[in-house]
C-alpha atoms as a PDB file:
ATOM      1  CA  MET A   1      22.233  11.657  23.742  1.00  0.00           C
ATOM      2  CA  LYS A   2      18.736  10.751  22.595  1.00  0.00           C
ATOM      3  CA  LEU A   3      15.616  10.240  24.656  1.00  0.00           C
ATOM      4  CA  ILE A   4      13.631   7.554  22.815  1.00  0.00           C
ATOM      5  CA  VAL A   5      10.032   7.502  24.012  1.00  0.00           C
ATOM      6  CA  GLY A   6       7.465   4.793  23.348  1.00  0.00           C
ATOM      7  CA  LEU A   7       3.813   5.709  23.848  1.00  0.00           C
ATOM      8  CA  GLY A   8       1.260   3.395  25.412  1.00  0.00           C
ATOM      9  CA  ASN A   9      -0.818   2.715  28.504  1.00  0.00           C
ATOM     10  CA  PRO A  10       0.607   0.996  31.608  1.00  0.00           C
ATOM     11  CA  GLY A  11      -0.642  -2.340  32.899  1.00  0.00           C
ATOM     12  CA  ALA A  12      -1.217  -5.867  31.615  1.00  0.00           C
ATOM     13  CA  LYS A  13      -4.722  -4.960  30.440  1.00  0.00           C
ATOM     14  CA  TYR A  14      -3.286  -2.765  27.681  1.00  0.00           C
ATOM     15  CA  ALA A  15      -0.021  -4.567  26.966  1.00  0.00           C
ATOM     16  CA  LYS A  16      -1.073  -6.087  23.607  1.00  0.00           C
ATOM     17  CA  ASN A  17      -3.242  -3.178  22.415  1.00  0.00           C
ATOM     18  CA  ARG A  18      -2.544  -1.486  19.086  1.00  0.00           C
ATOM     19  CA  HIS A  19      -2.164   1.738  21.092  1.00  0.00           C
ATOM     20  CA  ASN A  20       0.813   0.158  22.894  1.00  0.00           C
ATOM     21  CA  ILE A  21       3.014  -0.582  19.901  1.00  0.00           C
ATOM     22  CA  GLY A  22       5.384   2.156  21.097  1.00  0.00           C
ATOM     23  CA  PHE A  23       5.906   0.294  24.396  1.00  0.00           C
ATOM     24  CA  MET A  24       6.419  -2.956  22.463  1.00  0.00           C
ATOM     25  CA  ALA A  25       9.092  -1.380  20.259  1.00  0.00           C
ATOM     26  CA  LEU A  26      11.046  -0.097  23.275  1.00  0.00           C
ATOM     27  CA  ASP A  27      10.893  -3.517  24.951  1.00  0.00           C
ATOM     28  CA  GLN A  28      12.368  -5.043  21.777  1.00  0.00           C
ATOM     29  CA  ILE A  29      15.143  -2.424  21.614  1.00  0.00           C
ATOM     30  CA  ALA A  30      16.064  -2.860  25.282  1.00  0.00           C
ATOM     31  CA  ALA A  31      16.217  -6.662  24.964  1.00  0.00           C
ATOM     32  CA  ASP A  32      18.172  -6.734  21.698  1.00  0.00           C
ATOM     33  CA  HIS A  33      20.771  -4.128  22.650  1.00  0.00           C
ATOM     34  CA  GLY A  34      21.459  -5.137  26.248  1.00  0.00           C
ATOM     35  CA  PHE A  35      20.070  -2.044  27.943  1.00  0.00           C
ATOM     36  CA  ALA A  36      19.857  -1.812  31.745  1.00  0.00           C
ATOM     37  CA  PRO A  37      16.800  -3.258  33.528  1.00  0.00           C
ATOM     38  CA  TRP A  38      13.720  -1.047  33.534  1.00  0.00           C
ATOM     39  CA  LYS A  39      13.279   1.175  36.584  1.00  0.00           C
ATOM     40  CA  GLY A  40      10.597   3.589  37.701  1.00  0.00           C
ATOM     41  CA  LYS A  41      11.627   7.198  37.171  1.00  0.00           C
ATOM     42  CA  HIS A  42      10.222  10.467  35.774  1.00  0.00           C
ATOM     43  CA  GLN A  43       6.629   9.173  35.957  1.00  0.00           C
ATOM     44  CA  GLY A  44       7.543   6.270  33.710  1.00  0.00           C
ATOM     45  CA  SER A  45       9.693   3.186  33.167  1.00  0.00           C
ATOM     46  CA  LEU A  46      13.214   4.001  32.077  1.00  0.00           C
ATOM     47  CA  SER A  47      16.164   2.035  30.715  1.00  0.00           C
ATOM     48  CA  GLU A  48      19.606   3.405  29.834  1.00  0.00           C
ATOM     49  CA  GLY A  49      22.199   2.031  27.450  1.00  0.00           C
ATOM     50  CA  ARG A  50      24.448   2.643  24.476  1.00  0.00           C
ATOM     51  CA  PHE A  51      24.555   1.962  20.774  1.00  0.00           C
ATOM     52  CA  GLY A  52      28.319   1.941  20.357  1.00  0.00           C
ATOM     53  CA  SER A  53      29.444   5.404  21.436  1.00  0.00           C
ATOM     54  CA  ASP A  54      25.932   6.890  21.341  1.00  0.00           C
ATOM     55  CA  ARG A  55      24.181   6.985  24.701  1.00  0.00           C
ATOM     56  CA  ALA A  56      20.396   6.674  24.782  1.00  0.00           C
ATOM     57  CA  VAL A  57      17.589   6.612  27.313  1.00  0.00           C
ATOM     58  CA  LEU A  58      14.413   4.624  26.651  1.00  0.00           C
ATOM     59  CA  LEU A  59      11.248   5.936  28.327  1.00  0.00           C
ATOM     60  CA  LYS A  60       7.768   4.430  28.616  1.00  0.00           C
ATOM     61  CA  PRO A  61       5.501   7.054  30.265  1.00  0.00           C
ATOM     62  CA  GLU A  62       3.207   5.498  32.901  1.00  0.00           C
ATOM     63  CA  THR A  63       0.878   8.478  33.164  1.00  0.00           C
ATOM     64  CA  PHE A  64      -1.569   6.886  30.703  1.00  0.00           C
ATOM     65  CA  MET A  65      -1.563   8.036  27.101  1.00  0.00           C
ATOM     66  CA  ASN A  66      -3.362  11.367  27.551  1.00  0.00           C
ATOM     67  CA  ASN A  67      -0.692  12.683  29.957  1.00  0.00           C
ATOM     68  CA  SER A  68       2.434  11.265  28.290  1.00  0.00           C
ATOM     69  CA  GLY A  69       3.978  14.724  27.964  1.00  0.00           C
ATOM     70  CA  GLN A  70       4.400  15.053  31.733  1.00  0.00           C
ATOM     71  CA  SER A  71       6.816  12.133  31.832  1.00  0.00           C
ATOM     72  CA  VAL A  72       8.669  13.229  28.689  1.00  0.00           C
ATOM     73  CA  GLN A  73       9.134  16.746  30.045  1.00  0.00           C
ATOM     74  CA  ALA A  74      10.395  15.456  33.399  1.00  0.00           C
ATOM     75  CA  ALA A  75      13.003  13.229  31.740  1.00  0.00           C
ATOM     76  CA  MET A  76      14.117  16.032  29.428  1.00  0.00           C
ATOM     77  CA  ARG A  77      14.683  18.347  32.363  1.00  0.00           C
ATOM     78  CA  PHE A  78      16.679  15.734  34.258  1.00  0.00           C
ATOM     79  CA  TYR A  79      18.974  14.967  31.317  1.00  0.00           C
ATOM     80  CA  LYS A  80      19.066  18.609  30.129  1.00  0.00           C
ATOM     81  CA  LEU A  81      17.792  17.764  26.649  1.00  0.00           C
ATOM     82  CA  GLU A  82      16.154  19.814  23.911  1.00  0.00           C
ATOM     83  CA  PRO A  83      13.078  18.751  21.894  1.00  0.00           C
ATOM     84  CA  ALA A  84      15.392  17.891  18.965  1.00  0.00           C
ATOM     85  CA  ASP A  85      16.976  15.201  21.195  1.00  0.00           C
ATOM     86  CA  VAL A  86      13.629  13.408  21.604  1.00  0.00           C
ATOM     87  CA  VAL A  87      12.231  10.637  19.389  1.00  0.00           C
ATOM     88  CA  VAL A  88       8.676   9.433  20.045  1.00  0.00           C
ATOM     89  CA  LEU A  89       7.453   6.038  18.765  1.00  0.00           C
ATOM     90  CA  HIS A  90       3.671   5.751  18.462  1.00  0.00           C
ATOM     91  CA  ASP A  91       0.795   3.960  16.751  1.00  0.00           C
ATOM     92  CA  GLU A  92      -0.451   5.557  13.534  1.00  0.00           C
ATOM     93  CA  ILE A  93      -3.930   4.778  12.173  1.00  0.00           C
ATOM     94  CA  ASP A  94      -3.269   6.730   8.970  1.00  0.00           C
ATOM     95  CA  LEU A  95      -0.592   4.253   7.893  1.00  0.00           C
ATOM     96  CA  ALA A  96      -1.282   0.716   6.719  1.00  0.00           C
ATOM     97  CA  PRO A  97      -0.305  -2.100   9.090  1.00  0.00           C
ATOM     98  CA  GLY A  98       3.430  -2.764   8.845  1.00  0.00           C
ATOM     99  CA  LYS A  99       4.313   0.663   7.437  1.00  0.00           C
ATOM    100  CA  VAL A 100       6.875   2.724   9.361  1.00  0.00           C
ATOM    101  CA  LYS A 101       7.625   6.413   8.751  1.00  0.00           C
ATOM    102  CA  HIS A 102      10.091   8.792  10.405  1.00  0.00           C
ATOM    103  CA  LYS A 103       8.994  12.400  10.726  1.00  0.00           C
ATOM    104  CA  MET A 104      10.560  15.521  12.230  1.00  0.00           C
ATOM    105  CA  GLY A 105       8.171  18.044  13.767  1.00  0.00           C
ATOM    106  CA  GLY A 106       4.629  18.658  12.554  1.00  0.00           C
ATOM    107  CA  GLY A 107       1.187  18.303  14.100  1.00  0.00           C
ATOM    108  CA  HIS A 108      -0.246  15.660  16.393  1.00  0.00           C
ATOM    109  CA  ALA A 109      -3.096  14.630  14.012  1.00  0.00           C
ATOM    110  CA  GLY A 110      -5.457  14.086  16.947  1.00  0.00           C
ATOM    111  CA  HIS A 111      -3.269  11.455  18.648  1.00  0.00           C
ATOM    112  CA  ASN A 112      -3.823  12.019  22.376  1.00  0.00           C
ATOM    113  CA  GLY A 113      -0.310  10.978  23.365  1.00  0.00           C
ATOM    114  CA  LEU A 114       1.288  13.328  20.855  1.00  0.00           C
ATOM    115  CA  ARG A 115      -1.156  16.069  21.845  1.00  0.00           C
ATOM    116  CA  SER A 116       0.136  15.840  25.413  1.00  0.00           C
ATOM    117  CA  VAL A 117       3.787  15.799  24.303  1.00  0.00           C
ATOM    118  CA  HIS A 118       3.117  18.879  22.141  1.00  0.00           C
ATOM    119  CA  ALA A 119       1.558  20.670  25.105  1.00  0.00           C
ATOM    120  CA  HIS A 120       4.602  20.029  27.313  1.00  0.00           C
ATOM    121  CA  ILE A 121       7.622  20.329  24.989  1.00  0.00           C
ATOM    122  CA  GLY A 122       6.293  21.783  21.718  1.00  0.00           C
ATOM    123  CA  PRO A 123       6.229  20.140  18.269  1.00  0.00           C
ATOM    124  CA  ASP A 124       9.924  20.172  17.390  1.00  0.00           C
ATOM    125  CA  TYR A 125      10.766  16.553  18.149  1.00  0.00           C
ATOM    126  CA  ALA A 126      11.126  13.500  15.927  1.00  0.00           C
ATOM    127  CA  ARG A 127       8.545  10.772  15.803  1.00  0.00           C
ATOM    128  CA  VAL A 128       8.419   7.271  14.368  1.00  0.00           C
ATOM    129  CA  ARG A 129       4.933   6.495  13.072  1.00  0.00           C
ATOM    130  CA  LEU A 130       4.117   2.794  13.373  1.00  0.00           C
ATOM    131  CA  GLY A 131       1.205   1.915  11.106  1.00  0.00           C
ATOM    132  CA  VAL A 132      -1.654  -0.096  12.619  1.00  0.00           C
ATOM    133  CA  GLY A 133      -4.317   0.608   9.995  1.00  0.00           C
ATOM    134  CA  HIS A 134      -7.674   2.378  10.250  1.00  0.00           C
ATOM    135  CA  PRO A 135     -10.999   0.782  11.283  1.00  0.00           C
ATOM    136  CA  GLY A 136     -12.781   2.640   8.492  1.00  0.00           C
ATOM    137  CA  HIS A 137     -14.827   5.118  10.512  1.00  0.00           C
ATOM    138  CA  LYS A 138     -13.755   7.894  12.871  1.00  0.00           C
ATOM    139  CA  ASP A 139     -16.150   6.793  15.620  1.00  0.00           C
ATOM    140  CA  ALA A 140     -14.594   3.322  15.672  1.00  0.00           C
ATOM    141  CA  VAL A 141     -11.035   4.545  16.285  1.00  0.00           C
ATOM    142  CA  PRO A 142     -10.981   4.521  20.137  1.00  0.00           C
ATOM    143  CA  GLY A 143     -12.227   0.949  20.370  1.00  0.00           C
ATOM    144  CA  TYR A 144      -9.938  -0.149  17.544  1.00  0.00           C
ATOM    145  CA  VAL A 145      -6.673   1.138  19.030  1.00  0.00           C
ATOM    146  CA  LEU A 146      -7.591  -0.147  22.498  1.00  0.00           C
ATOM    147  CA  ARG A 147      -8.050  -3.708  21.229  1.00  0.00           C
ATOM    148  CA  ASP A 148      -5.269  -6.283  21.085  1.00  0.00           C
ATOM    149  CA  PHE A 149      -3.483  -7.067  17.846  1.00  0.00           C
ATOM    150  CA  PRO A 150      -5.179 -10.150  16.355  1.00  0.00           C
ATOM    151  CA  LYS A 151      -3.218 -13.348  15.832  1.00  0.00           C
ATOM    152  CA  ALA A 152      -3.214 -12.726  12.079  1.00  0.00           C
ATOM    153  CA  ASP A 153      -1.028  -9.637  12.648  1.00  0.00           C
ATOM    154  CA  GLU A 154       1.705 -11.444  14.577  1.00  0.00           C
ATOM    155  CA  ASP A 155       4.099 -11.955  11.654  1.00  0.00           C
ATOM    156  CA  TRP A 156       4.180  -8.389  10.330  1.00  0.00           C
ATOM    157  CA  LEU A 157       4.177  -6.994  13.884  1.00  0.00           C
ATOM    158  CA  ASP A 158       7.239  -9.060  14.768  1.00  0.00           C
ATOM    159  CA  ASP A 159       8.997  -7.865  11.600  1.00  0.00           C
ATOM    160  CA  VAL A 160       8.232  -4.224  12.422  1.00  0.00           C
ATOM    161  CA  LEU A 161       9.401  -4.470  16.038  1.00  0.00           C
ATOM    162  CA  ARG A 162      12.638  -6.200  15.042  1.00  0.00           C
ATOM    163  CA  GLY A 163      13.163  -3.734  12.220  1.00  0.00           C
ATOM    164  CA  VAL A 164      12.765  -0.755  14.552  1.00  0.00           C
ATOM    165  CA  SER A 165      15.205  -2.415  16.946  1.00  0.00           C
ATOM    166  CA  ASP A 166      17.695  -2.988  14.103  1.00  0.00           C
ATOM    167  CA  GLY A 167      17.414   0.685  13.215  1.00  0.00           C
ATOM    168  CA  ALA A 168      17.566   2.036  16.788  1.00  0.00           C
ATOM    169  CA  PRO A 169      21.313   2.825  16.623  1.00  0.00           C
ATOM    170  CA  TYR A 170      20.579   5.092  13.656  1.00  0.00           C
ATOM    171  CA  LEU A 171      17.775   6.809  15.588  1.00  0.00           C
ATOM    172  CA  ALA A 172      20.287   7.525  18.351  1.00  0.00           C
ATOM    173  CA  ALA A 173      22.731   8.870  15.752  1.00  0.00           C
ATOM    174  CA  GLY A 174      20.052  11.012  14.094  1.00  0.00           C
ATOM    175  CA  ASP A 175      20.272   9.215  10.736  1.00  0.00           C
ATOM    176  CA  ALA A 176      16.674   8.833   9.563  1.00  0.00           C
ATOM    177  CA  ALA A 177      17.612   7.379   6.159  1.00  0.00           C
ATOM    178  CA  LYS A 178      19.646   4.520   7.612  1.00  0.00           C
ATOM    179  CA  PHE A 179      16.908   3.872  10.163  1.00  0.00           C
ATOM    180  CA  ALA A 180      14.335   3.560   7.383  1.00  0.00           C
ATOM    181  CA  ASN A 181      16.621   1.206   5.460  1.00  0.00           C
ATOM    182  CA  ALA A 182      17.114  -1.051   8.491  1.00  0.00           C
ATOM    183  CA  VAL A 183      13.356  -1.321   8.959  1.00  0.00           C
ATOM    184  CA  ALA A 184      12.825  -2.054   5.265  1.00  0.00           C
ATOM    185  CA  LEU A 185      15.349  -4.909   5.342  1.00  0.00           C
ATOM    186  CA  ARG A 186      13.187  -6.621   7.969  1.00  0.00           C
ATOM    187  CA  VAL A 187       9.750  -5.755   6.653  1.00  0.00           C
ATOM    188  CA  ASN A 188      10.553  -6.161   2.931  1.00  0.00           C
ATOM    189  CA  PRO A 189      13.721  -8.262   2.737  1.00  0.00           C
ATOM    190  CA  PRO A 190      15.370  -8.713  -0.664  1.00  0.00           C
ATOM    191  CA  ARG A 191      14.539 -11.994  -2.308  1.00  0.00           C
ATOM    192  CA  SER A 192      17.284 -14.581  -2.112  1.00  0.00           C
ATOM    193  CA  GLY A 193      18.683 -16.124  -5.299  1.00  0.00           C
ATOM    194  CA  THR A 194      21.692 -18.037  -6.647  1.00  0.00           C
ATOM    195  CA  GLY A 195      22.457 -15.536  -9.377  1.00  0.00           C
ATOM    196  CA  LYS A 196      22.202 -18.272 -11.983  1.00  0.00           C
ATOM    197  CA  LYS A 197      19.484 -18.310 -14.552  1.00  0.00           C
ATOM    198  CA  GLY A 198      17.794 -21.572 -15.244  1.00  0.00           C
ATOM    199  CA  PRO A 199      17.297 -22.885 -18.777  1.00  0.00           C
ATOM    200  CA  LYS A 200      14.702 -21.055 -20.740  1.00  0.00           C
ATOM    201  CA  THR A 201      11.482 -22.942 -21.305  1.00  0.00           C
ATOM    202  CA  GLN A 202      10.936 -23.418 -25.011  1.00  0.00           C
ATOM    203  CA  ALA A 203       7.489 -23.339 -26.471  1.00  0.00           C
ATOM    204  CA  ALA A 204       6.279 -26.579 -28.020  1.00  0.00           C
ATOM    205  CA  PRO A 205       6.869 -26.555 -31.781  1.00  0.00           C
ATOM    206  CA  VAL A 206       3.814 -25.837 -33.915  1.00  0.00           C
ATOM    207  CA  PRO A 207       3.278 -28.734 -36.346  1.00  0.00           C
ATOM    208  CA  GLU A 208       3.380 -27.794 -39.996  1.00  0.00           C
ATOM    209  CA  PRO A 209       0.134 -28.359 -41.911  1.00  0.00           C
ATOM    210  CA  GLU A 210      -0.117 -31.476 -44.094  1.00  0.00           C
ATOM    211  CA  PRO A 211       0.349 -30.705 -47.829  1.00  0.00           C
ATOM    212  CA  ASP A 212      -2.908 -30.613 -49.786  1.00  0.00           C
ATOM    213  CA  THR A 213      -2.594 -33.349 -52.421  1.00  0.00           C
ATOM    214  CA  ARG A 214      -6.149 -33.058 -53.769  1.00  0.00           C
ATOM    215  CA  SER A 215      -6.750 -32.134 -57.414  1.00  0.00           C
ATOM    216  CA  PRO A 216      -8.512 -28.858 -58.264  1.00  0.00           C
ATOM    217  CA  LEU A 217     -11.672 -30.832 -59.133  1.00  0.00           C
ATOM    218  CA  GLN A 218     -11.635 -32.645 -55.781  1.00  0.00           C
ATOM    219  CA  ARG A 219     -11.212 -29.361 -53.872  1.00  0.00           C
ATOM    220  CA  LEU A 220     -14.129 -27.845 -55.809  1.00  0.00           C
ATOM    221  CA  MET A 221     -16.361 -30.832 -55.036  1.00  0.00           C
ATOM    222  CA  GLU A 222     -15.497 -30.539 -51.291  1.00  0.00           C
ATOM    223  CA  LYS A 223     -17.038 -27.049 -51.237  1.00  0.00           C
ATOM    224  CA  PHE A 224     -20.436 -28.388 -52.309  1.00  0.00           C
ATOM    225  CA  LYS A 225     -20.604 -31.254 -49.834  1.00  0.00           C
END
């Protein structure tokens, strides 16, 4: 069984923030895969369900971002899980908007939610990094991630959320490669085509030069005109 955690801040005020893309992804997964209604448990909102034969628990910590690890640890204890059974979905400023990367273990790179998870369960869990882009300066980061996604981002954001949902069964099965492929099919779908090549466009013929019918004397006189 996998515990799939989405990071964010609770409440309508934060619902559309870049920092809440982890919450958004879990909402998409729960809706698409027919998971049970959300209920309050383990200091968060929790929904249980299955991807075929693979059971999974979705968790949105409601401790606010900086204390996310408390909720994750409580759920792990209840379900008797190890860090390797946990997947955390979070916003990533070091990835371009629309980019999604799966990573196993590693540091928290200053992300306060991951910092808290590290403090409570250690670093040996999987994470899905959901790119939101960087504001360009370190000092601007807090305000940037706590602002709503602009309308211009709606299309790629929808593709990412649906792609993560498409790949969720592979997250539950521990298949990172198939998860990445499912996301890519949404974010960068193959171009459709009929398989038939159209007629080649031929270049316009270059007209041949007119033959020079002048006499040698006439050509010589032309040079001195």
